[in-house]
Amino acid sequence: MTTTAPSHRDTLLSDMFAALDGGDVPAYLEFLSADASLRFGNNPPVIGRPAIKESLDSFYKTFQRVRHNHIATWTRPEGTAVEADVTYLRLDGSEAHVHAVTICRFNNRNEIDDYRIFVDLQPLFTASARPAVSSPLRAYQDPQGVDPQPRPLATAARVASMFRHLECGIRSRTE
């Protein structure tokens, strides 16, 4: 079996997510350009390190801890997409699990200047959350919350098509 050493960007992303998981917002900000943009889903972007710090400091008060379990990472020269199962430890001690995709676009100094998070955070703010799912290809639960047999929601061809679309989107922004 052949293994490949992690690239500089892989290490950068790993360190960045470790800062987030550790609740270290100032360390996270070091990975961003001074005028970076952070956008959660359909919310307006937050621009610049000071505004991002204020936003994240406020967000981090809504839970005790966060943990990202990386599923897959796709890297292009101008950006990276990270798929993860994310676990939040709520203030009441219960856990909320969500599935997220983060897209990071880098400047020529390898700083993140555009950080987009695609996630449904409703489970974090509801009384009970559904259990985490290890992959969207295995995500299925019947109405009683029992997963008798994982069923694919998407075929491999559909996932490949979505990734090609993502690659085109990353490429077209920089052209």
N, C-alpha and C. Protein backbone atom coordinates (compact mmCIF):
# COMPACT_ATOMS: atom_id res chain seq x y z
N MET A 1 0.83 -1.16 0.00
CA MET A 1 0.00 0.00 0.00
C MET A 1 0.89 1.24 0.00
N THR A 2 0.57 2.17 -0.87
CA THR A 2 1.33 3.40 -0.97
C THR A 2 0.60 4.51 -0.23
N THR A 3 1.34 5.26 0.56
CA THR A 3 0.75 6.41 1.24
C THR A 3 1.45 7.67 0.75
N THR A 4 0.73 8.75 0.82
CA THR A 4 1.26 10.03 0.39
C THR A 4 1.33 10.96 1.59
N ALA A 5 2.43 11.66 1.72
CA ALA A 5 2.56 12.62 2.81
C ALA A 5 1.55 13.74 2.62
N PRO A 6 1.02 14.25 3.70
CA PRO A 6 0.05 15.33 3.56
C PRO A 6 0.70 16.57 2.95
N SER A 7 -0.06 17.27 2.13
CA SER A 7 0.43 18.50 1.52
C SER A 7 0.39 19.62 2.54
N HIS A 8 1.02 20.74 2.20
CA HIS A 8 0.98 21.91 3.07
C HIS A 8 -0.46 22.33 3.33
N ARG A 9 -1.29 22.31 2.30
CA ARG A 9 -2.69 22.71 2.47
C ARG A 9 -3.44 21.72 3.35
N ASP A 10 -3.17 20.42 3.22
CA ASP A 10 -3.82 19.43 4.10
C ASP A 10 -3.47 19.72 5.56
N THR A 11 -2.20 20.01 5.80
CA THR A 11 -1.76 20.32 7.16
C THR A 11 -2.40 21.61 7.65
N LEU A 12 -2.47 22.61 6.79
CA LEU A 12 -3.10 23.88 7.13
C LEU A 12 -4.55 23.66 7.53
N LEU A 13 -5.29 22.91 6.71
CA LEU A 13 -6.71 22.66 7.01
C LEU A 13 -6.88 21.85 8.29
N SER A 14 -6.02 20.86 8.50
CA SER A 14 -6.08 20.05 9.71
C SER A 14 -5.85 20.93 10.94
N ASP A 15 -4.86 21.80 10.87
CA ASP A 15 -4.57 22.71 11.99
C ASP A 15 -5.71 23.70 12.20
N MET A 16 -6.31 24.18 11.11
CA MET A 16 -7.41 25.13 11.21
C MET A 16 -8.61 24.47 11.89
N PHE A 17 -8.98 23.26 11.47
CA PHE A 17 -10.11 22.58 12.10
C PHE A 17 -9.79 22.21 13.55
N ALA A 18 -8.53 21.93 13.86
CA ALA A 18 -8.16 21.67 15.25
C ALA A 18 -8.37 22.91 16.11
N ALA A 19 -8.06 24.08 15.55
CA ALA A 19 -8.31 25.33 16.28
C ALA A 19 -9.81 25.51 16.52
N LEU A 20 -10.63 25.27 15.50
CA LEU A 20 -12.08 25.37 15.67
C LEU A 20 -12.59 24.38 16.70
N ASP A 21 -12.12 23.14 16.62
CA ASP A 21 -12.56 22.11 17.56
C ASP A 21 -12.10 22.42 18.98
N GLY A 22 -11.00 23.14 19.11
CA GLY A 22 -10.51 23.53 20.42
C GLY A 22 -11.14 24.82 20.94
N GLY A 23 -12.01 25.42 20.13
CA GLY A 23 -12.65 26.68 20.53
C GLY A 23 -11.71 27.86 20.50
N ASP A 24 -10.59 27.73 19.79
CA ASP A 24 -9.57 28.78 19.73
C ASP A 24 -9.80 29.68 18.52
N VAL A 25 -10.74 30.61 18.67
CA VAL A 25 -11.09 31.51 17.56
C VAL A 25 -9.89 32.33 17.11
N PRO A 26 -9.08 32.92 18.02
CA PRO A 26 -7.91 33.68 17.55
C PRO A 26 -6.95 32.85 16.69
N ALA A 27 -6.73 31.58 17.05
CA ALA A 27 -5.86 30.72 16.23
C ALA A 27 -6.50 30.46 14.87
N TYR A 28 -7.82 30.25 14.84
CA TYR A 28 -8.53 30.05 13.58
C TYR A 28 -8.36 31.27 12.66
N LEU A 29 -8.47 32.45 13.25
CA LEU A 29 -8.38 33.69 12.45
C LEU A 29 -7.03 33.83 11.75
N GLU A 30 -5.99 33.23 12.29
CA GLU A 30 -4.66 33.31 11.67
C GLU A 30 -4.62 32.63 10.30
N PHE A 31 -5.57 31.75 10.03
CA PHE A 31 -5.62 31.07 8.74
C PHE A 31 -6.34 31.90 7.68
N LEU A 32 -6.97 32.99 8.09
CA LEU A 32 -7.76 33.84 7.19
C LEU A 32 -6.99 35.08 6.78
N SER A 33 -7.28 35.56 5.59
CA SER A 33 -6.73 36.85 5.17
C SER A 33 -7.41 37.95 5.98
N ALA A 34 -6.81 39.11 6.04
CA ALA A 34 -7.35 40.22 6.84
C ALA A 34 -8.76 40.60 6.41
N ASP A 35 -9.06 40.48 5.12
CA ASP A 35 -10.38 40.87 4.60
C ASP A 35 -11.21 39.66 4.18
N ALA A 36 -10.97 38.53 4.85
CA ALA A 36 -11.68 37.29 4.52
C ALA A 36 -13.18 37.45 4.66
N SER A 37 -13.89 36.57 3.96
CA SER A 37 -15.34 36.50 4.03
C SER A 37 -15.73 35.14 4.60
N LEU A 38 -16.62 35.14 5.62
CA LEU A 38 -17.14 33.92 6.21
C LEU A 38 -18.65 33.93 6.01
N ARG A 39 -19.16 32.84 5.42
CA ARG A 39 -20.60 32.78 5.16
C ARG A 39 -21.16 31.44 5.61
N PHE A 40 -22.17 31.47 6.49
CA PHE A 40 -22.91 30.30 6.92
C PHE A 40 -24.16 30.20 6.07
N GLY A 41 -24.24 29.19 5.20
CA GLY A 41 -25.44 28.94 4.40
C GLY A 41 -25.94 30.17 3.68
N ASN A 42 -27.22 30.49 3.89
CA ASN A 42 -27.84 31.62 3.21
C ASN A 42 -27.69 32.94 3.95
N ASN A 43 -26.99 32.95 5.06
CA ASN A 43 -26.79 34.18 5.80
C ASN A 43 -25.85 35.11 5.04
N PRO A 44 -25.96 36.41 5.27
CA PRO A 44 -25.03 37.34 4.62
C PRO A 44 -23.60 37.05 5.07
N PRO A 45 -22.63 37.29 4.21
CA PRO A 45 -21.24 37.05 4.60
C PRO A 45 -20.80 38.04 5.69
N VAL A 46 -19.90 37.57 6.53
CA VAL A 46 -19.25 38.40 7.53
C VAL A 46 -17.86 38.69 6.98
N ILE A 47 -17.50 39.96 6.89
CA ILE A 47 -16.27 40.36 6.21
C ILE A 47 -15.24 40.89 7.20
N GLY A 48 -14.00 40.39 7.09
CA GLY A 48 -12.88 40.88 7.89
C GLY A 48 -12.72 40.12 9.19
N ARG A 49 -11.45 39.98 9.62
CA ARG A 49 -11.15 39.23 10.84
C ARG A 49 -11.89 39.75 12.07
N PRO A 50 -11.94 41.07 12.32
CA PRO A 50 -12.63 41.53 13.53
C PRO A 50 -14.11 41.14 13.55
N ALA A 51 -14.80 41.28 12.42
CA ALA A 51 -16.22 40.93 12.35
C ALA A 51 -16.41 39.41 12.46
N ILE A 52 -15.51 38.64 11.86
CA ILE A 52 -15.58 37.19 11.95
C ILE A 52 -15.35 36.75 13.40
N LYS A 53 -14.38 37.36 14.06
CA LYS A 53 -14.12 37.04 15.47
C LYS A 53 -15.36 37.31 16.32
N GLU A 54 -15.97 38.46 16.14
CA GLU A 54 -17.17 38.81 16.91
C GLU A 54 -18.29 37.81 16.65
N SER A 55 -18.48 37.44 15.39
CA SER A 55 -19.53 36.50 15.02
C SER A 55 -19.28 35.11 15.63
N LEU A 56 -18.04 34.62 15.49
CA LEU A 56 -17.72 33.29 16.03
C LEU A 56 -17.73 33.28 17.55
N ASP A 57 -17.26 34.34 18.19
CA ASP A 57 -17.31 34.40 19.65
C ASP A 57 -18.76 34.27 20.13
N SER A 58 -19.66 34.94 19.44
CA SER A 58 -21.08 34.86 19.78
C SER A 58 -21.62 33.45 19.52
N PHE A 59 -21.29 32.87 18.38
CA PHE A 59 -21.76 31.53 18.02
C PHE A 59 -21.25 30.50 19.02
N TYR A 60 -19.99 30.60 19.42
CA TYR A 60 -19.40 29.62 20.34
C TYR A 60 -20.03 29.67 21.73
N LYS A 61 -20.79 30.69 22.05
CA LYS A 61 -21.50 30.76 23.33
C LYS A 61 -22.76 29.90 23.32
N THR A 62 -23.17 29.38 22.15
CA THR A 62 -24.40 28.60 22.06
C THR A 62 -24.17 27.10 22.27
N PHE A 63 -22.93 26.68 22.47
CA PHE A 63 -22.60 25.28 22.71
C PHE A 63 -21.31 25.20 23.52
N GLN A 64 -21.04 23.99 24.06
CA GLN A 64 -19.82 23.79 24.85
C GLN A 64 -18.60 23.49 23.99
N ARG A 65 -18.81 22.65 22.98
CA ARG A 65 -17.67 22.16 22.20
C ARG A 65 -18.17 21.69 20.84
N VAL A 66 -17.26 21.71 19.85
CA VAL A 66 -17.56 21.21 18.51
C VAL A 66 -16.45 20.24 18.10
N ARG A 67 -16.82 19.24 17.32
CA ARG A 67 -15.84 18.28 16.81
C ARG A 67 -16.18 17.95 15.36
N HIS A 68 -15.20 18.08 14.47
CA HIS A 68 -15.38 17.77 13.05
C HIS A 68 -14.78 16.40 12.76
N ASN A 69 -15.57 15.51 12.19
CA ASN A 69 -15.10 14.21 11.75
C ASN A 69 -15.06 14.25 10.23
N HIS A 70 -13.86 14.39 9.67
CA HIS A 70 -13.73 14.55 8.23
C HIS A 70 -14.06 13.27 7.49
N ILE A 71 -14.86 13.42 6.45
CA ILE A 71 -15.25 12.30 5.60
C ILE A 71 -14.43 12.32 4.32
N ALA A 72 -14.34 13.49 3.69
CA ALA A 72 -13.62 13.60 2.42
C ALA A 72 -13.16 15.04 2.22
N THR A 73 -12.08 15.19 1.47
CA THR A 73 -11.55 16.50 1.12
C THR A 73 -11.21 16.48 -0.36
N TRP A 74 -11.65 17.53 -1.07
CA TRP A 74 -11.31 17.69 -2.48
C TRP A 74 -10.52 18.98 -2.62
N THR A 75 -9.37 18.89 -3.25
CA THR A 75 -8.50 20.05 -3.34
C THR A 75 -8.21 20.40 -4.79
N ARG A 76 -8.28 21.68 -5.07
CA ARG A 76 -7.89 22.26 -6.35
C ARG A 76 -6.89 23.36 -6.01
N PRO A 77 -6.13 23.85 -6.97
CA PRO A 77 -5.16 24.90 -6.64
C PRO A 77 -5.79 26.13 -5.97
N GLU A 78 -6.99 26.48 -6.37
CA GLU A 78 -7.60 27.70 -5.85
C GLU A 78 -8.55 27.48 -4.67
N GLY A 79 -8.80 26.22 -4.32
CA GLY A 79 -9.73 26.00 -3.22
C GLY A 79 -9.85 24.56 -2.80
N THR A 80 -10.52 24.37 -1.69
CA THR A 80 -10.71 23.05 -1.11
C THR A 80 -12.13 22.93 -0.60
N ALA A 81 -12.72 21.75 -0.75
CA ALA A 81 -14.02 21.45 -0.17
C ALA A 81 -13.82 20.32 0.83
N VAL A 82 -14.39 20.48 2.01
CA VAL A 82 -14.27 19.49 3.08
C VAL A 82 -15.67 19.04 3.48
N GLU A 83 -15.90 17.74 3.44
CA GLU A 83 -17.15 17.15 3.90
C GLU A 83 -16.90 16.58 5.29
N ALA A 84 -17.81 16.87 6.23
CA ALA A 84 -17.60 16.41 7.60
C ALA A 84 -18.92 16.14 8.30
N ASP A 85 -18.88 15.19 9.23
CA ASP A 85 -19.93 15.04 10.21
C ASP A 85 -19.46 15.87 11.41
N VAL A 86 -20.34 16.72 11.89
CA VAL A 86 -19.97 17.65 12.96
C VAL A 86 -20.82 17.36 14.18
N THR A 87 -20.17 17.26 15.32
CA THR A 87 -20.86 17.02 16.58
C THR A 87 -20.69 18.24 17.47
N TYR A 88 -21.82 18.76 17.93
CA TYR A 88 -21.82 19.86 18.89
C TYR A 88 -22.23 19.32 20.25
N LEU A 89 -21.51 19.67 21.28
CA LEU A 89 -21.93 19.38 22.65
C LEU A 89 -22.69 20.61 23.13
N ARG A 90 -23.99 20.41 23.30
CA ARG A 90 -24.85 21.53 23.68
C ARG A 90 -24.56 21.97 25.13
N LEU A 91 -25.09 23.12 25.48
CA LEU A 91 -24.93 23.65 26.83
C LEU A 91 -25.55 22.74 27.88
N ASP A 92 -26.59 21.98 27.50
CA ASP A 92 -27.24 21.07 28.45
C ASP A 92 -26.54 19.71 28.54
N GLY A 93 -25.43 19.53 27.80
CA GLY A 93 -24.67 18.29 27.83
C GLY A 93 -25.08 17.26 26.78
N SER A 94 -26.17 17.50 26.06
CA SER A 94 -26.57 16.58 24.99
C SER A 94 -25.80 16.93 23.71
N GLU A 95 -25.83 16.00 22.77
CA GLU A 95 -25.11 16.21 21.51
C GLU A 95 -26.06 16.47 20.37
N ALA A 96 -25.60 17.28 19.43
CA ALA A 96 -26.31 17.51 18.16
C ALA A 96 -25.34 17.15 17.05
N HIS A 97 -25.85 16.43 16.06
CA HIS A 97 -25.03 15.98 14.95
C HIS A 97 -25.57 16.58 13.66
N VAL A 98 -24.65 17.13 12.86
CA VAL A 98 -25.03 17.69 11.56
C VAL A 98 -24.00 17.28 10.52
N HIS A 99 -24.41 17.32 9.30
CA HIS A 99 -23.53 17.03 8.17
C HIS A 99 -23.21 18.37 7.51
N ALA A 100 -21.96 18.63 7.19
CA ALA A 100 -21.56 19.93 6.65
C ALA A 100 -20.57 19.77 5.51
N VAL A 101 -20.58 20.76 4.65
CA VAL A 101 -19.55 20.91 3.62
C VAL A 101 -19.01 22.33 3.75
N THR A 102 -17.71 22.44 3.80
CA THR A 102 -17.06 23.74 3.89
C THR A 102 -16.22 23.92 2.64
N ILE A 103 -16.34 25.09 2.03
CA ILE A 103 -15.53 25.43 0.86
C ILE A 103 -14.62 26.57 1.25
N CYS A 104 -13.33 26.37 1.05
CA CYS A 104 -12.33 27.39 1.35
C CYS A 104 -11.65 27.79 0.04
N ARG A 105 -11.60 29.08 -0.22
CA ARG A 105 -10.86 29.60 -1.37
C ARG A 105 -9.66 30.34 -0.83
N PHE A 106 -8.52 30.13 -1.46
CA PHE A 106 -7.25 30.66 -0.96
C PHE A 106 -6.72 31.79 -1.84
N ASN A 107 -6.01 32.72 -1.22
CA ASN A 107 -5.32 33.75 -1.99
C ASN A 107 -3.91 33.25 -2.33
N ASN A 108 -3.11 34.11 -2.97
CA ASN A 108 -1.77 33.68 -3.40
C ASN A 108 -0.79 33.53 -2.24
N ARG A 109 -1.17 33.91 -1.02
CA ARG A 109 -0.34 33.72 0.18
C ARG A 109 -0.79 32.49 0.97
N ASN A 110 -1.69 31.70 0.36
CA ASN A 110 -2.24 30.48 0.97
C ASN A 110 -3.04 30.79 2.23
N GLU A 111 -3.64 31.99 2.27
CA GLU A 111 -4.57 32.35 3.32
C GLU A 111 -5.98 32.14 2.77
N ILE A 112 -6.90 31.81 3.64
CA ILE A 112 -8.29 31.65 3.21
C ILE A 112 -8.91 33.03 3.09
N ASP A 113 -9.43 33.33 1.90
CA ASP A 113 -10.09 34.63 1.75
C ASP A 113 -11.60 34.49 1.53
N ASP A 114 -12.08 33.27 1.36
CA ASP A 114 -13.50 33.02 1.20
C ASP A 114 -13.80 31.67 1.84
N TYR A 115 -14.58 31.69 2.93
CA TYR A 115 -14.87 30.49 3.72
C TYR A 115 -16.38 30.34 3.78
N ARG A 116 -16.90 29.28 3.17
CA ARG A 116 -18.35 29.07 3.10
C ARG A 116 -18.70 27.74 3.75
N ILE A 117 -19.69 27.80 4.64
CA ILE A 117 -20.13 26.62 5.37
C ILE A 117 -21.57 26.32 4.95
N PHE A 118 -21.78 25.13 4.46
CA PHE A 118 -23.12 24.69 4.06
C PHE A 118 -23.56 23.62 5.06
N VAL A 119 -24.51 24.01 5.92
CA VAL A 119 -24.94 23.14 7.01
C VAL A 119 -26.32 23.58 7.46
N ASP A 120 -27.09 22.64 7.95
CA ASP A 120 -28.37 22.94 8.59
C ASP A 120 -28.13 22.84 10.09
N LEU A 121 -28.11 23.98 10.78
CA LEU A 121 -27.81 24.00 12.21
C LEU A 121 -29.04 23.82 13.09
N GLN A 122 -30.21 23.60 12.50
CA GLN A 122 -31.41 23.45 13.31
C GLN A 122 -31.26 22.39 14.40
N PRO A 123 -30.62 21.23 14.14
CA PRO A 123 -30.48 20.25 15.22
C PRO A 123 -29.74 20.78 16.45
N LEU A 124 -28.85 21.74 16.26
CA LEU A 124 -28.14 22.32 17.39
C LEU A 124 -29.09 23.06 18.32
N PHE A 125 -30.14 23.64 17.75
CA PHE A 125 -31.03 24.49 18.52
C PHE A 125 -32.39 23.85 18.83
N THR A 126 -32.53 22.55 18.57
CA THR A 126 -33.76 21.84 18.90
C THR A 126 -33.52 20.93 20.09
N ALA A 127 -34.60 20.49 20.72
CA ALA A 127 -34.49 19.69 21.94
C ALA A 127 -33.82 18.34 21.71
N SER A 128 -34.08 17.71 20.58
CA SER A 128 -33.44 16.42 20.32
C SER A 128 -32.97 16.40 18.88
N ALA A 129 -31.78 15.89 18.70
CA ALA A 129 -31.19 15.84 17.36
C ALA A 129 -31.13 14.40 16.88
N ARG A 130 -31.20 14.24 15.58
CA ARG A 130 -31.04 12.91 15.00
C ARG A 130 -29.59 12.50 15.10
N PRO A 131 -29.32 11.21 15.16
CA PRO A 131 -27.93 10.75 15.24
C PRO A 131 -27.15 11.12 13.99
N ALA A 132 -25.85 11.25 14.16
CA ALA A 132 -24.98 11.56 13.02
C ALA A 132 -25.01 10.41 12.03
N VAL A 133 -24.78 10.74 10.79
CA VAL A 133 -24.73 9.77 9.71
C VAL A 133 -23.32 9.82 9.15
N SER A 134 -22.72 8.68 8.91
CA SER A 134 -21.32 8.67 8.51
C SER A 134 -21.10 9.14 7.08
N SER A 135 -22.11 9.08 6.24
CA SER A 135 -21.95 9.51 4.85
C SER A 135 -23.33 9.73 4.24
N PRO A 136 -23.46 10.70 3.33
CA PRO A 136 -24.75 10.90 2.69
C PRO A 136 -25.16 9.70 1.84
N LEU A 137 -24.22 8.87 1.46
CA LEU A 137 -24.56 7.69 0.67
C LEU A 137 -25.23 6.62 1.53
N ARG A 138 -25.10 6.73 2.85
CA ARG A 138 -25.68 5.73 3.74
C ARG A 138 -26.80 6.33 4.59
N ALA A 139 -27.17 7.56 4.31
CA ALA A 139 -28.15 8.24 5.15
C ALA A 139 -29.57 7.76 4.85
N TYR A 140 -30.13 7.04 5.81
CA TYR A 140 -31.53 6.64 5.71
C TYR A 140 -32.02 6.30 7.10
N GLN A 141 -33.16 6.83 7.46
CA GLN A 141 -33.79 6.42 8.70
C GLN A 141 -35.28 6.35 8.46
N ASP A 142 -35.90 5.34 9.02
CA ASP A 142 -37.35 5.25 8.90
C ASP A 142 -37.99 6.23 9.89
N PRO A 143 -39.30 6.43 9.84
CA PRO A 143 -39.95 7.42 10.71
C PRO A 143 -39.73 7.19 12.20
N GLN A 144 -39.46 5.97 12.62
CA GLN A 144 -39.22 5.71 14.04
C GLN A 144 -37.75 5.94 14.42
N GLY A 145 -36.93 6.39 13.48
CA GLY A 145 -35.53 6.65 13.78
C GLY A 145 -34.64 5.42 13.75
N VAL A 146 -35.18 4.29 13.28
CA VAL A 146 -34.41 3.06 13.21
C VAL A 146 -33.80 2.95 11.83
N ASP A 147 -32.58 2.52 11.76
CA ASP A 147 -31.89 2.37 10.48
C ASP A 147 -31.72 0.87 10.22
N PRO A 148 -32.79 0.21 9.73
CA PRO A 148 -32.71 -1.24 9.58
C PRO A 148 -31.68 -1.67 8.55
N GLN A 149 -31.53 -0.89 7.52
CA GLN A 149 -30.56 -1.22 6.49
C GLN A 149 -30.23 0.06 5.74
N PRO A 150 -28.96 0.50 5.77
CA PRO A 150 -28.62 1.73 5.07
C PRO A 150 -28.98 1.62 3.59
N ARG A 151 -29.54 2.71 3.06
CA ARG A 151 -29.92 2.77 1.66
C ARG A 151 -29.26 3.97 1.02
N PRO A 152 -28.74 3.84 -0.17
CA PRO A 152 -28.08 4.98 -0.81
C PRO A 152 -29.09 6.05 -1.23
N LEU A 153 -28.76 7.30 -0.93
CA LEU A 153 -29.56 8.42 -1.41
C LEU A 153 -29.07 8.89 -2.78
N ALA A 154 -27.85 8.59 -3.08
CA ALA A 154 -27.28 9.02 -4.34
C ALA A 154 -26.39 7.92 -4.89
N THR A 155 -26.34 7.82 -6.18
CA THR A 155 -25.45 6.84 -6.79
C THR A 155 -24.06 7.44 -6.89
N ALA A 156 -23.08 6.60 -7.09
CA ALA A 156 -21.71 7.09 -7.25
C ALA A 156 -21.62 8.05 -8.44
N ALA A 157 -22.38 7.78 -9.50
CA ALA A 157 -22.37 8.67 -10.67
C ALA A 157 -22.89 10.05 -10.30
N ARG A 158 -23.94 10.10 -9.45
CA ARG A 158 -24.50 11.38 -9.03
C ARG A 158 -23.49 12.15 -8.17
N VAL A 159 -22.81 11.44 -7.26
CA VAL A 159 -21.81 12.10 -6.43
C VAL A 159 -20.67 12.63 -7.31
N ALA A 160 -20.22 11.85 -8.28
CA ALA A 160 -19.17 12.30 -9.19
C ALA A 160 -19.61 13.52 -9.97
N SER A 161 -20.87 13.54 -10.39
CA SER A 161 -21.41 14.68 -11.11
C SER A 161 -21.43 15.92 -10.24
N MET A 162 -21.82 15.76 -8.96
CA MET A 162 -21.83 16.90 -8.04
C MET A 162 -20.42 17.45 -7.84
N PHE A 163 -19.42 16.55 -7.75
CA PHE A 163 -18.06 16.99 -7.56
C PHE A 163 -17.55 17.73 -8.79
N ARG A 164 -17.87 17.23 -9.99
CA ARG A 164 -17.45 17.93 -11.21
C ARG A 164 -18.06 19.32 -11.24
N HIS A 165 -19.32 19.45 -10.82
CA HIS A 165 -19.97 20.75 -10.77
C HIS A 165 -19.24 21.66 -9.78
N LEU A 166 -18.84 21.12 -8.62
CA LEU A 166 -18.10 21.89 -7.63
C LEU A 166 -16.77 22.35 -8.22
N GLU A 167 -16.06 21.46 -8.91
CA GLU A 167 -14.79 21.84 -9.51
C GLU A 167 -14.98 22.99 -10.49
N CYS A 168 -16.02 22.92 -11.30
CA CYS A 168 -16.30 24.00 -12.27
C CYS A 168 -16.57 25.31 -11.55
N GLY A 169 -17.30 25.24 -10.44
CA GLY A 169 -17.62 26.44 -9.67
C GLY A 169 -16.38 27.07 -9.08
N ILE A 170 -15.47 26.25 -8.55
CA ILE A 170 -14.22 26.79 -7.99
C ILE A 170 -13.39 27.40 -9.10
N ARG A 171 -13.29 26.70 -10.23
CA ARG A 171 -12.49 27.19 -11.34
C ARG A 171 -13.06 28.48 -11.90
N SER A 172 -14.39 28.57 -12.06
CA SER A 172 -14.99 29.72 -12.73
C SER A 172 -14.85 31.00 -11.90
N ARG A 173 -14.77 30.87 -10.57
CA ARG A 173 -14.65 32.07 -9.74
C ARG A 173 -13.31 32.75 -9.94
N THR A 174 -12.27 31.99 -10.27
CA THR A 174 -10.94 32.57 -10.39
C THR A 174 -10.58 32.93 -11.83
N GLU A 175 -11.41 32.55 -12.78
CA GLU A 175 -11.09 32.84 -14.19
C GLU A 175 -11.50 34.24 -14.56
